[in-house]
């Protein structure tokens, strides 16, 4: 597990195509929101994909919270996360514009 400050510094230095933040509630949601906020502040054009693997009845609430914190996409399963990441990588490799945010 990497400290947030080290992760932010590494992301800022390496400038990856996207950053994936996995969250398995109830622990970590607040920290993940804070991480997204700090990442968005430091790298305004970062693509942030959040994998939120919590209760589906709280999805709308979490979607709003993560979007307000700067997340580009919020997914709710490993498969959905994989598909979103592959779509972004494919789009980048083909030179197309990014797909609409979900």
PDB file of N, CA and C in Angstrom:
ATOM      1  N   UNK A   1       0.856  -1.189   0.000  1.00  0.00           N
ATOM      2  CA  UNK A   1       0.000   0.000   0.000  1.00  0.00           C
ATOM      3  C   UNK A   1       0.891   1.236   0.000  1.00  0.00           C
ATOM      4  N   UNK A   2       0.632   2.138  -0.907  1.00  0.00           N
ATOM      5  CA  UNK A   2       1.437   3.343  -1.057  1.00  0.00           C
ATOM      6  C   UNK A   2       0.747   4.517  -0.374  1.00  0.00           C
ATOM      7  N   UNK A   3       1.525   5.348   0.312  1.00  0.00           N
ATOM      8  CA  UNK A   3       0.969   6.548   0.919  1.00  0.00           C
ATOM      9  C   UNK A   3       0.416   7.473  -0.161  1.00  0.00           C
ATOM     10  N   UNK A   4      -0.663   8.170   0.185  1.00  0.00           N
ATOM     11  CA  UNK A   4      -1.288   9.065  -0.797  1.00  0.00           C
ATOM     12  C   UNK A   4      -0.322  10.092  -1.347  1.00  0.00           C
ATOM     13  N   UNK A   5       0.474  10.700  -0.477  1.00  0.00           N
ATOM     14  CA  UNK A   5       1.389  11.740  -0.943  1.00  0.00           C
ATOM     15  C   UNK A   5       2.409  11.176  -1.925  1.00  0.00           C
ATOM     16  N   UNK A   6       2.893   9.955  -1.658  1.00  0.00           N
ATOM     17  CA  UNK A   6       3.833   9.322  -2.585  1.00  0.00           C
ATOM     18  C   UNK A   6       3.146   8.954  -3.890  1.00  0.00           C
ATOM     19  N   UNK A   7       1.924   8.474  -3.789  1.00  0.00           N
ATOM     20  CA  UNK A   7       1.177   8.118  -5.001  1.00  0.00           C
ATOM     21  C   UNK A   7       0.932   9.351  -5.853  1.00  0.00           C
ATOM     22  N   UNK A   8       0.540  10.457  -5.225  1.00  0.00           N
ATOM     23  CA  UNK A   8       0.303  11.690  -5.973  1.00  0.00           C
ATOM     24  C   UNK A   8       1.575  12.184  -6.652  1.00  0.00           C
ATOM     25  N   UNK A   9       2.679  12.136  -5.936  1.00  0.00           N
ATOM     26  CA  UNK A   9       3.959  12.567  -6.517  1.00  0.00           C
ATOM     27  C   UNK A   9       4.351  11.687  -7.693  1.00  0.00           C
ATOM     28  N   UNK A  10       4.153  10.388  -7.534  1.00  0.00           N
ATOM     29  CA  UNK A  10       4.504   9.455  -8.615  1.00  0.00           C
ATOM     30  C   UNK A  10       3.628   9.680  -9.845  1.00  0.00           C
ATOM     31  N   UNK A  11       2.338   9.869  -9.636  1.00  0.00           N
ATOM     32  CA  UNK A  11       1.417  10.120 -10.748  1.00  0.00           C
ATOM     33  C   UNK A  11       1.790  11.421 -11.446  1.00  0.00           C
ATOM     34  N   UNK A  12       2.092  12.443 -10.658  1.00  0.00           N
ATOM     35  CA  UNK A  12       2.464  13.736 -11.225  1.00  0.00           C
ATOM     36  C   UNK A  12       3.752  13.608 -12.055  1.00  0.00           C
ATOM     37  N   UNK A  13       4.682  12.825 -11.576  1.00  0.00           N
ATOM     38  CA  UNK A  13       5.967  12.645 -12.272  1.00  0.00           C
ATOM     39  C   UNK A  13       5.817  11.795 -13.530  1.00  0.00           C
ATOM     40  N   UNK A  14       5.082  10.679 -13.439  1.00  0.00           N
ATOM     41  CA  UNK A  14       4.994   9.721 -14.545  1.00  0.00           C
ATOM     42  C   UNK A  14       3.916  10.066 -15.573  1.00  0.00           C
ATOM     43  N   UNK A  15       2.928  10.870 -15.201  1.00  0.00           N
ATOM     44  CA  UNK A  15       1.856  11.297 -16.104  1.00  0.00           C
ATOM     45  C   UNK A  15       1.219  10.120 -16.870  1.00  0.00           C
ATOM     46  N   UNK A  16       0.611   9.175 -16.142  1.00  0.00           N
ATOM     47  CA  UNK A  16      -0.006   8.030 -16.816  1.00  0.00           C
ATOM     48  C   UNK A  16      -1.235   8.439 -17.623  1.00  0.00           C
ATOM     49  N   UNK A  17      -1.625   7.566 -18.540  1.00  0.00           N
ATOM     50  CA  UNK A  17      -2.829   7.802 -19.353  1.00  0.00           C
ATOM     51  C   UNK A  17      -4.048   7.980 -18.446  1.00  0.00           C
ATOM     52  N   UNK A  18      -4.123   7.179 -17.391  1.00  0.00           N
ATOM     53  CA  UNK A  18      -5.226   7.272 -16.448  1.00  0.00           C
ATOM     54  C   UNK A  18      -4.765   6.784 -15.092  1.00  0.00           C
ATOM     55  N   UNK A  19      -5.540   7.132 -14.080  1.00  0.00           N
ATOM     56  CA  UNK A  19      -5.298   6.650 -12.725  1.00  0.00           C
ATOM     57  C   UNK A  19      -6.541   5.910 -12.283  1.00  0.00           C
ATOM     58  N   UNK A  20      -6.352   4.690 -11.770  1.00  0.00           N
ATOM     59  CA  UNK A  20      -7.470   3.891 -11.274  1.00  0.00           C
ATOM     60  C   UNK A  20      -7.422   3.881  -9.757  1.00  0.00           C
ATOM     61  N   UNK A  21      -8.540   4.248  -9.139  1.00  0.00           N
ATOM     62  CA  UNK A  21      -8.662   4.268  -7.686  1.00  0.00           C
ATOM     63  C   UNK A  21      -9.715   3.237  -7.303  1.00  0.00           C
ATOM     64  N   UNK A  22      -9.301   2.170  -6.616  1.00  0.00           N
ATOM     65  CA  UNK A  22     -10.238   1.127  -6.192  1.00  0.00           C
ATOM     66  C   UNK A  22     -10.697   1.409  -4.767  1.00  0.00           C
ATOM     67  N   UNK A  23     -12.016   1.311  -4.545  1.00  0.00           N
ATOM     68  CA  UNK A  23     -12.590   1.582  -3.233  1.00  0.00           C
ATOM     69  C   UNK A  23     -13.504   0.431  -2.854  1.00  0.00           C
ATOM     70  N   UNK A  24     -13.250  -0.129  -1.673  1.00  0.00           N
ATOM     71  CA  UNK A  24     -14.093  -1.197  -1.167  1.00  0.00           C
ATOM     72  C   UNK A  24     -14.689  -0.734   0.164  1.00  0.00           C
ATOM     73  N   UNK A  25     -15.870  -0.099   0.104  1.00  0.00           N
ATOM     74  CA  UNK A  25     -16.482   0.455   1.306  1.00  0.00           C
ATOM     75  C   UNK A  25     -16.774  -0.619   2.352  1.00  0.00           C
ATOM     76  N   UNK A  26     -16.948  -0.270   3.590  1.00  0.00           N
ATOM     77  CA  UNK A  26     -17.095   1.108   4.053  1.00  0.00           C
ATOM     78  C   UNK A  26     -15.757   1.820   4.249  1.00  0.00           C
ATOM     79  N   UNK A  27     -14.681   1.098   4.413  1.00  0.00           N
ATOM     80  CA  UNK A  27     -13.384   1.733   4.619  1.00  0.00           C
ATOM     81  C   UNK A  27     -12.853   2.319   3.322  1.00  0.00           C
ATOM     82  N   UNK A  28     -12.273   3.479   3.414  1.00  0.00           N
ATOM     83  CA  UNK A  28     -11.573   4.042   2.277  1.00  0.00           C
ATOM     84  C   UNK A  28     -12.341   5.021   1.426  1.00  0.00           C
ATOM     85  N   UNK A  29     -13.640   5.131   1.585  1.00  0.00           N
ATOM     86  CA  UNK A  29     -14.406   6.026   0.721  1.00  0.00           C
ATOM     87  C   UNK A  29     -13.988   7.479   0.920  1.00  0.00           C
ATOM     88  N   UNK A  30     -13.914   7.917   2.152  1.00  0.00           N
ATOM     89  CA  UNK A  30     -13.534   9.298   2.436  1.00  0.00           C
ATOM     90  C   UNK A  30     -12.121   9.585   1.938  1.00  0.00           C
ATOM     91  N   UNK A  31     -11.216   8.641   2.173  1.00  0.00           N
ATOM     92  CA  UNK A  31      -9.838   8.813   1.724  1.00  0.00           C
ATOM     93  C   UNK A  31      -9.751   8.850   0.200  1.00  0.00           C
ATOM     94  N   UNK A  32     -10.540   8.031  -0.469  1.00  0.00           N
ATOM     95  CA  UNK A  32     -10.532   8.000  -1.937  1.00  0.00           C
ATOM     96  C   UNK A  32     -11.076   9.307  -2.512  1.00  0.00           C
ATOM     97  N   UNK A  33     -12.104   9.852  -1.898  1.00  0.00           N
ATOM     98  CA  UNK A  33     -12.650  11.134  -2.341  1.00  0.00           C
ATOM     99  C   UNK A  33     -11.592  12.221  -2.172  1.00  0.00           C
ATOM    100  N   UNK A  34     -10.926  12.224  -1.035  1.00  0.00           N
ATOM    101  CA  UNK A  34      -9.862  13.195  -0.785  1.00  0.00           C
ATOM    102  C   UNK A  34      -8.722  13.035  -1.790  1.00  0.00           C
ATOM    103  N   UNK A  35      -8.372  11.789  -2.092  1.00  0.00           N
ATOM    104  CA  UNK A  35      -7.308  11.518  -3.069  1.00  0.00           C
ATOM    105  C   UNK A  35      -7.696  12.079  -4.437  1.00  0.00           C
ATOM    106  N   UNK A  36      -8.925  11.849  -4.857  1.00  0.00           N
ATOM    107  CA  UNK A  36      -9.400  12.373  -6.151  1.00  0.00           C
ATOM    108  C   UNK A  36      -9.328  13.892  -6.179  1.00  0.00           C
ATOM    109  N   UNK A  37      -9.731  14.530  -5.087  1.00  0.00           N
ATOM    110  CA  UNK A  37      -9.675  15.997  -5.013  1.00  0.00           C
ATOM    111  C   UNK A  37      -8.241  16.498  -5.152  1.00  0.00           C
ATOM    112  N   UNK A  38      -7.340  15.875  -4.423  1.00  0.00           N
ATOM    113  CA  UNK A  38      -5.934  16.302  -4.466  1.00  0.00           C
ATOM    114  C   UNK A  38      -5.318  16.026  -5.832  1.00  0.00           C
ATOM    115  N   UNK A  39      -5.654  14.894  -6.425  1.00  0.00           N
ATOM    116  CA  UNK A  39      -5.125  14.568  -7.751  1.00  0.00           C
ATOM    117  C   UNK A  39      -5.641  15.565  -8.787  1.00  0.00           C
ATOM    118  N   UNK A  40      -6.925  15.880  -8.735  1.00  0.00           N
ATOM    119  CA  UNK A  40      -7.514  16.829  -9.674  1.00  0.00           C
ATOM    120  C   UNK A  40      -6.883  18.219  -9.517  1.00  0.00           C
ATOM    121  N   UNK A  41      -6.602  18.631  -8.270  1.00  0.00           N
ATOM    122  CA  UNK A  41      -5.950  19.920  -8.030  1.00  0.00           C
ATOM    123  C   UNK A  41      -4.550  19.954  -8.635  1.00  0.00           C
ATOM    124  N   UNK A  42      -3.811  18.864  -8.475  1.00  0.00           N
ATOM    125  CA  UNK A  42      -2.422  18.822  -8.936  1.00  0.00           C
ATOM    126  C   UNK A  42      -2.303  18.580 -10.428  1.00  0.00           C
ATOM    127  N   UNK A  43      -3.242  17.801 -10.982  1.00  0.00           N
ATOM    128  CA  UNK A  43      -3.207  17.463 -12.407  1.00  0.00           C
ATOM    129  C   UNK A  43      -4.615  17.658 -12.970  1.00  0.00           C
ATOM    130  N   UNK A  44      -4.963  18.875 -13.358  1.00  0.00           N
ATOM    131  CA  UNK A  44      -6.328  19.178 -13.794  1.00  0.00           C
ATOM    132  C   UNK A  44      -6.836  18.331 -14.959  1.00  0.00           C
ATOM    133  N   UNK A  45      -5.945  17.868 -15.843  1.00  0.00           N
ATOM    134  CA  UNK A  45      -6.396  17.090 -16.995  1.00  0.00           C
ATOM    135  C   UNK A  45      -6.266  15.578 -16.792  1.00  0.00           C
ATOM    136  N   UNK A  46      -6.029  15.146 -15.562  1.00  0.00           N
ATOM    137  CA  UNK A  46      -5.904  13.715 -15.281  1.00  0.00           C
ATOM    138  C   UNK A  46      -7.220  12.983 -15.573  1.00  0.00           C
ATOM    139  N   UNK A  47      -7.100  11.766 -16.071  1.00  0.00           N
ATOM    140  CA  UNK A  47      -8.267  10.894 -16.234  1.00  0.00           C
ATOM    141  C   UNK A  47      -8.285   9.991 -15.001  1.00  0.00           C
ATOM    142  N   UNK A  48      -9.327  10.123 -14.201  1.00  0.00           N
ATOM    143  CA  UNK A  48      -9.439   9.376 -12.945  1.00  0.00           C
ATOM    144  C   UNK A  48     -10.622   8.421 -13.049  1.00  0.00           C
ATOM    145  N   UNK A  49     -10.331   7.126 -12.979  1.00  0.00           N
ATOM    146  CA  UNK A  49     -11.369   6.099 -12.991  1.00  0.00           C
ATOM    147  C   UNK A  49     -11.460   5.546 -11.570  1.00  0.00           C
ATOM    148  N   UNK A  50     -12.636   5.648 -10.965  1.00  0.00           N
ATOM    149  CA  UNK A  50     -12.855   5.126  -9.624  1.00  0.00           C
ATOM    150  C   UNK A  50     -13.662   3.842  -9.731  1.00  0.00           C
ATOM    151  N   UNK A  51     -13.130   2.785  -9.168  1.00  0.00           N
ATOM    152  CA  UNK A  51     -13.867   1.525  -9.046  1.00  0.00           C
ATOM    153  C   UNK A  51     -14.464   1.493  -7.649  1.00  0.00           C
ATOM    154  N   UNK A  52     -15.749   1.773  -7.537  1.00  0.00           N
ATOM    155  CA  UNK A  52     -16.423   1.799  -6.238  1.00  0.00           C
ATOM    156  C   UNK A  52     -17.217   0.508  -6.095  1.00  0.00           C
ATOM    157  N   UNK A  53     -16.763  -0.362  -5.217  1.00  0.00           N
ATOM    158  CA  UNK A  53     -17.348  -1.693  -5.093  1.00  0.00           C
ATOM    159  C   UNK A  53     -18.183  -1.813  -3.820  1.00  0.00           C
ATOM    160  N   UNK A  54     -19.130  -0.883  -3.677  1.00  0.00           N
ATOM    161  CA  UNK A  54     -19.987  -0.844  -2.496  1.00  0.00           C
ATOM    162  C   UNK A  54     -21.410  -1.244  -2.814  1.00  0.00           C
ATOM    163  N   UNK A  55     -22.313  -0.888  -1.922  1.00  0.00           N
ATOM    164  CA  UNK A  55     -23.721  -1.232  -2.074  1.00  0.00           C
ATOM    165  C   UNK A  55     -24.344  -0.417  -3.205  1.00  0.00           C
ATOM    166  N   UNK A  56     -25.051  -1.119  -4.078  1.00  0.00           N
ATOM    167  CA  UNK A  56     -25.628  -0.438  -5.239  1.00  0.00           C
ATOM    168  C   UNK A  56     -26.680   0.598  -4.856  1.00  0.00           C
ATOM    169  N   UNK A  57     -27.309   0.447  -3.720  1.00  0.00           N
ATOM    170  CA  UNK A  57     -28.333   1.422  -3.328  1.00  0.00           C
ATOM    171  C   UNK A  57     -27.723   2.786  -3.004  1.00  0.00           C
ATOM    172  N   UNK A  58     -26.410   2.834  -2.775  1.00  0.00           N
ATOM    173  CA  UNK A  58     -25.736   4.098  -2.496  1.00  0.00           C
ATOM    174  C   UNK A  58     -24.989   4.632  -3.711  1.00  0.00           C
ATOM    175  N   UNK A  59     -25.191   4.014  -4.870  1.00  0.00           N
ATOM    176  CA  UNK A  59     -24.415   4.378  -6.049  1.00  0.00           C
ATOM    177  C   UNK A  59     -24.582   5.842  -6.444  1.00  0.00           C
ATOM    178  N   UNK A  60     -25.801   6.318  -6.517  1.00  0.00           N
ATOM    179  CA  UNK A  60     -26.035   7.710  -6.954  1.00  0.00           C
ATOM    180  C   UNK A  60     -25.318   8.687  -6.030  1.00  0.00           C
ATOM    181  N   UNK A  61     -25.404   8.434  -4.738  1.00  0.00           N
ATOM    182  CA  UNK A  61     -24.745   9.292  -3.751  1.00  0.00           C
ATOM    183  C   UNK A  61     -23.221   9.283  -3.959  1.00  0.00           C
ATOM    184  N   UNK A  62     -22.666   8.107  -4.161  1.00  0.00           N
ATOM    185  CA  UNK A  62     -21.220   7.986  -4.359  1.00  0.00           C
ATOM    186  C   UNK A  62     -20.793   8.557  -5.709  1.00  0.00           C
ATOM    187  N   UNK A  63     -21.611   8.353  -6.732  1.00  0.00           N
ATOM    188  CA  UNK A  63     -21.312   8.917  -8.047  1.00  0.00           C
ATOM    189  C   UNK A  63     -21.180  10.434  -7.939  1.00  0.00           C
ATOM    190  N   UNK A  64     -22.147  11.065  -7.293  1.00  0.00           N
ATOM    191  CA  UNK A  64     -22.108  12.517  -7.120  1.00  0.00           C
ATOM    192  C   UNK A  64     -20.885  12.950  -6.327  1.00  0.00           C
ATOM    193  N   UNK A  65     -20.571  12.231  -5.253  1.00  0.00           N
ATOM    194  CA  UNK A  65     -19.434  12.591  -4.405  1.00  0.00           C
ATOM    195  C   UNK A  65     -18.117  12.459  -5.167  1.00  0.00           C
ATOM    196  N   UNK A  66     -17.942  11.368  -5.894  1.00  0.00           N
ATOM    197  CA  UNK A  66     -16.697  11.175  -6.635  1.00  0.00           C
ATOM    198  C   UNK A  66     -16.593  12.132  -7.816  1.00  0.00           C
ATOM    199  N   UNK A  67     -17.694  12.406  -8.482  1.00  0.00           N
ATOM    200  CA  UNK A  67     -17.668  13.374  -9.584  1.00  0.00           C
ATOM    201  C   UNK A  67     -17.315  14.764  -9.069  1.00  0.00           C
ATOM    202  N   UNK A  68     -17.900  15.151  -7.935  1.00  0.00           N
ATOM    203  CA  UNK A  68     -17.600  16.452  -7.336  1.00  0.00           C
ATOM    204  C   UNK A  68     -16.128  16.528  -6.922  1.00  0.00           C
ATOM    205  N   UNK A  69     -15.549  15.393  -6.584  1.00  0.00           N
ATOM    206  CA  UNK A  69     -14.143  15.325  -6.173  1.00  0.00           C
ATOM    207  C   UNK A  69     -13.196  15.289  -7.363  1.00  0.00           C
ATOM    208  N   UNK A  70     -13.728  15.144  -8.574  1.00  0.00           N
ATOM    209  CA  UNK A  70     -12.882  15.174  -9.758  1.00  0.00           C
ATOM    210  C   UNK A  70     -12.758  13.888 -10.531  1.00  0.00           C
ATOM    211  N   UNK A  71     -13.468  12.843 -10.131  1.00  0.00           N
ATOM    212  CA  UNK A  71     -13.396  11.580 -10.868  1.00  0.00           C
ATOM    213  C   UNK A  71     -13.976  11.752 -12.270  1.00  0.00           C
ATOM    214  N   UNK A  72     -13.306  11.170 -13.245  1.00  0.00           N
ATOM    215  CA  UNK A  72     -13.785  11.226 -14.623  1.00  0.00           C
ATOM    216  C   UNK A  72     -14.856  10.167 -14.867  1.00  0.00           C
ATOM    217  N   UNK A  73     -14.662   8.998 -14.271  1.00  0.00           N
ATOM    218  CA  UNK A  73     -15.566   7.860 -14.436  1.00  0.00           C
ATOM    219  C   UNK A  73     -15.684   7.141 -13.102  1.00  0.00           C
ATOM    220  N   UNK A  74     -16.866   6.558 -12.838  1.00  0.00           N
ATOM    221  CA  UNK A  74     -17.077   5.748 -11.648  1.00  0.00           C
ATOM    222  C   UNK A  74     -17.682   4.432 -12.104  1.00  0.00           C
ATOM    223  N   UNK A  75     -17.011   3.343 -11.758  1.00  0.00           N
ATOM    224  CA  UNK A  75     -17.488   2.014 -12.124  1.00  0.00           C
ATOM    225  C   UNK A  75     -17.852   1.246 -10.862  1.00  0.00           C
ATOM    226  N   UNK A  76     -18.606   0.152 -11.026  1.00  0.00           N
ATOM    227  CA  UNK A  76     -19.099  -0.568  -9.855  1.00  0.00           C
ATOM    228  C   UNK A  76     -18.759  -2.056  -9.847  1.00  0.00           C
ATOM    229  N   UNK A  77     -17.968  -2.508 -10.800  1.00  0.00           N
ATOM    230  CA  UNK A  77     -17.559  -3.912 -10.812  1.00  0.00           C
ATOM    231  C   UNK A  77     -16.193  -4.019 -11.480  1.00  0.00           C
ATOM    232  N   UNK A  78     -15.529  -5.119 -11.246  1.00  0.00           N
ATOM    233  CA  UNK A  78     -14.224  -5.333 -11.870  1.00  0.00           C
ATOM    234  C   UNK A  78     -14.359  -5.363 -13.391  1.00  0.00           C
ATOM    235  N   UNK A  79     -15.389  -6.011 -13.887  1.00  0.00           N
ATOM    236  CA  UNK A  79     -15.596  -6.089 -15.335  1.00  0.00           C
ATOM    237  C   UNK A  79     -15.879  -4.708 -15.926  1.00  0.00           C
ATOM    238  N   UNK A  80     -16.728  -3.941 -15.298  1.00  0.00           N
ATOM    239  CA  UNK A  80     -17.031  -2.599 -15.784  1.00  0.00           C
ATOM    240  C   UNK A  80     -15.769  -1.726 -15.745  1.00  0.00           C
ATOM    241  N   UNK A  81     -14.969  -1.870 -14.704  1.00  0.00           N
ATOM    242  CA  UNK A  81     -13.712  -1.122 -14.591  1.00  0.00           C
ATOM    243  C   UNK A  81     -12.778  -1.496 -15.733  1.00  0.00           C
ATOM    244  N   UNK A  82     -12.639  -2.786 -15.965  1.00  0.00           N
ATOM    245  CA  UNK A  82     -11.785  -3.269 -17.047  1.00  0.00           C
ATOM    246  C   UNK A  82     -12.251  -2.718 -18.387  1.00  0.00           C
ATOM    247  N   UNK A  83     -13.535  -2.790 -18.654  1.00  0.00           N
ATOM    248  CA  UNK A  83     -14.072  -2.302 -19.925  1.00  0.00           C
ATOM    249  C   UNK A  83     -13.845  -0.800 -20.096  1.00  0.00           C
ATOM    250  N   UNK A  84     -14.020  -0.036 -19.026  1.00  0.00           N
ATOM    251  CA  UNK A  84     -13.819   1.412 -19.105  1.00  0.00           C
ATOM    252  C   UNK A  84     -12.354   1.727 -19.389  1.00  0.00           C
ATOM    253  N   UNK A  85     -11.460   1.054 -18.692  1.00  0.00           N
ATOM    254  CA  UNK A  85     -10.021   1.275 -18.886  1.00  0.00           C
ATOM    255  C   UNK A  85      -9.608   0.875 -20.293  1.00  0.00           C
ATOM    256  N   UNK A  86     -10.059  -0.284 -20.758  1.00  0.00           N
ATOM    257  CA  UNK A  86      -9.714  -0.715 -22.116  1.00  0.00           C
ATOM    258  C   UNK A  86     -10.249   0.255 -23.163  1.00  0.00           C
ATOM    259  N   UNK A  87     -11.438   0.781 -22.941  1.00  0.00           N
ATOM    260  CA  UNK A  87     -12.009   1.757 -23.858  1.00  0.00           C
ATOM    261  C   UNK A  87     -11.147   3.019 -23.915  1.00  0.00           C
ATOM    262  N   UNK A  88     -10.705   3.486 -22.770  1.00  0.00           N
ATOM    263  CA  UNK A  88      -9.858   4.679 -22.723  1.00  0.00           C
ATOM    264  C   UNK A  88      -8.510   4.432 -23.384  1.00  0.00           C
ATOM    265  N   UNK A  89      -7.922   3.264 -23.140  1.00  0.00           N
ATOM    266  CA  UNK A  89      -6.635   2.928 -23.750  1.00  0.00           C
ATOM    267  C   UNK A  89      -6.792   2.815 -25.262  1.00  0.00           C
ATOM    268  N   UNK A  90      -7.845   2.144 -25.706  1.00  0.00           N
ATOM    269  CA  UNK A  90      -8.102   1.987 -27.140  1.00  0.00           C
ATOM    270  C   UNK A  90      -8.284   3.354 -27.804  1.00  0.00           C
ATOM    271  N   UNK A  91      -9.059   4.220 -27.153  1.00  0.00           N
ATOM    272  CA  UNK A  91      -9.309   5.551 -27.687  1.00  0.00           C
ATOM    273  C   UNK A  91      -8.004   6.326 -27.811  1.00  0.00           C
ATOM    274  N   UNK A  92      -7.172   6.250 -26.788  1.00  0.00           N
ATOM    275  CA  UNK A  92      -5.882   6.949 -26.806  1.00  0.00           C
ATOM    276  C   UNK A  92      -4.986   6.401 -27.917  1.00  0.00           C
ATOM    277  N   UNK A  93      -4.945   5.092 -28.060  1.00  0.00           N
ATOM    278  CA  UNK A  93      -4.084   4.461 -29.063  1.00  0.00           C
ATOM    279  C   UNK A  93      -4.563   4.707 -30.488  1.00  0.00           C
ATOM    280  N   UNK A  94      -5.863   4.909 -30.667  1.00  0.00           N
ATOM    281  CA  UNK A  94      -6.389   5.128 -32.015  1.00  0.00           C
ATOM    282  C   UNK A  94      -6.456   6.605 -32.380  1.00  0.00           C
ATOM    283  N   UNK A  95      -6.158   7.480 -31.413  1.00  0.00           N
ATOM    284  CA  UNK A  95      -6.171   8.914 -31.676  1.00  0.00           C
ATOM    285  C   UNK A  95      -7.551   9.531 -31.722  1.00  0.00           C
ATOM    286  N   UNK A  96      -8.559   8.797 -31.285  1.00  0.00           N
ATOM    287  CA  UNK A  96      -9.928   9.319 -31.270  1.00  0.00           C
ATOM    288  C   UNK A  96     -10.128  10.192 -30.045  1.00  0.00           C
ATOM    289  N   UNK A  97     -11.232  10.936 -30.040  1.00  0.00           N
ATOM    290  CA  UNK A  97     -11.585  11.699 -28.851  1.00  0.00           C
ATOM    291  C   UNK A  97     -12.075  10.740 -27.782  1.00  0.00           C
ATOM    292  N   UNK A  98     -11.925  11.152 -26.513  1.00  0.00           N
ATOM    293  CA  UNK A  98     -12.365  10.328 -25.397  1.00  0.00           C
ATOM    294  C   UNK A  98     -13.857  10.072 -25.474  1.00  0.00           C
ATOM    295  N   UNK A  99     -14.293   8.872 -25.064  1.00  0.00           N
ATOM    296  CA  UNK A  99     -15.729   8.591 -25.039  1.00  0.00           C
ATOM    297  C   UNK A  99     -16.407   9.468 -23.989  1.00  0.00           C
ATOM    298  N   UNK A 100     -17.702   9.640 -24.133  1.00  0.00           N
ATOM    299  CA  UNK A 100     -18.410  10.465 -23.167  1.00  0.00           C
ATOM    300  C   UNK A 100     -18.309   9.848 -21.771  1.00  0.00           C
ATOM    301  N   UNK A 101     -18.285  10.716 -20.775  1.00  0.00           N
ATOM    302  CA  UNK A 101     -18.169  10.245 -19.403  1.00  0.00           C
ATOM    303  C   UNK A 101     -19.478   9.646 -18.961  1.00  0.00           C
ATOM    304  N   UNK A 102     -19.368   8.558 -18.217  1.00  0.00           N
ATOM    305  CA  UNK A 102     -20.558   7.862 -17.740  1.00  0.00           C
ATOM    306  C   UNK A 102     -20.774   8.151 -16.287  1.00  0.00           C
TER     307      UNK A 102
END
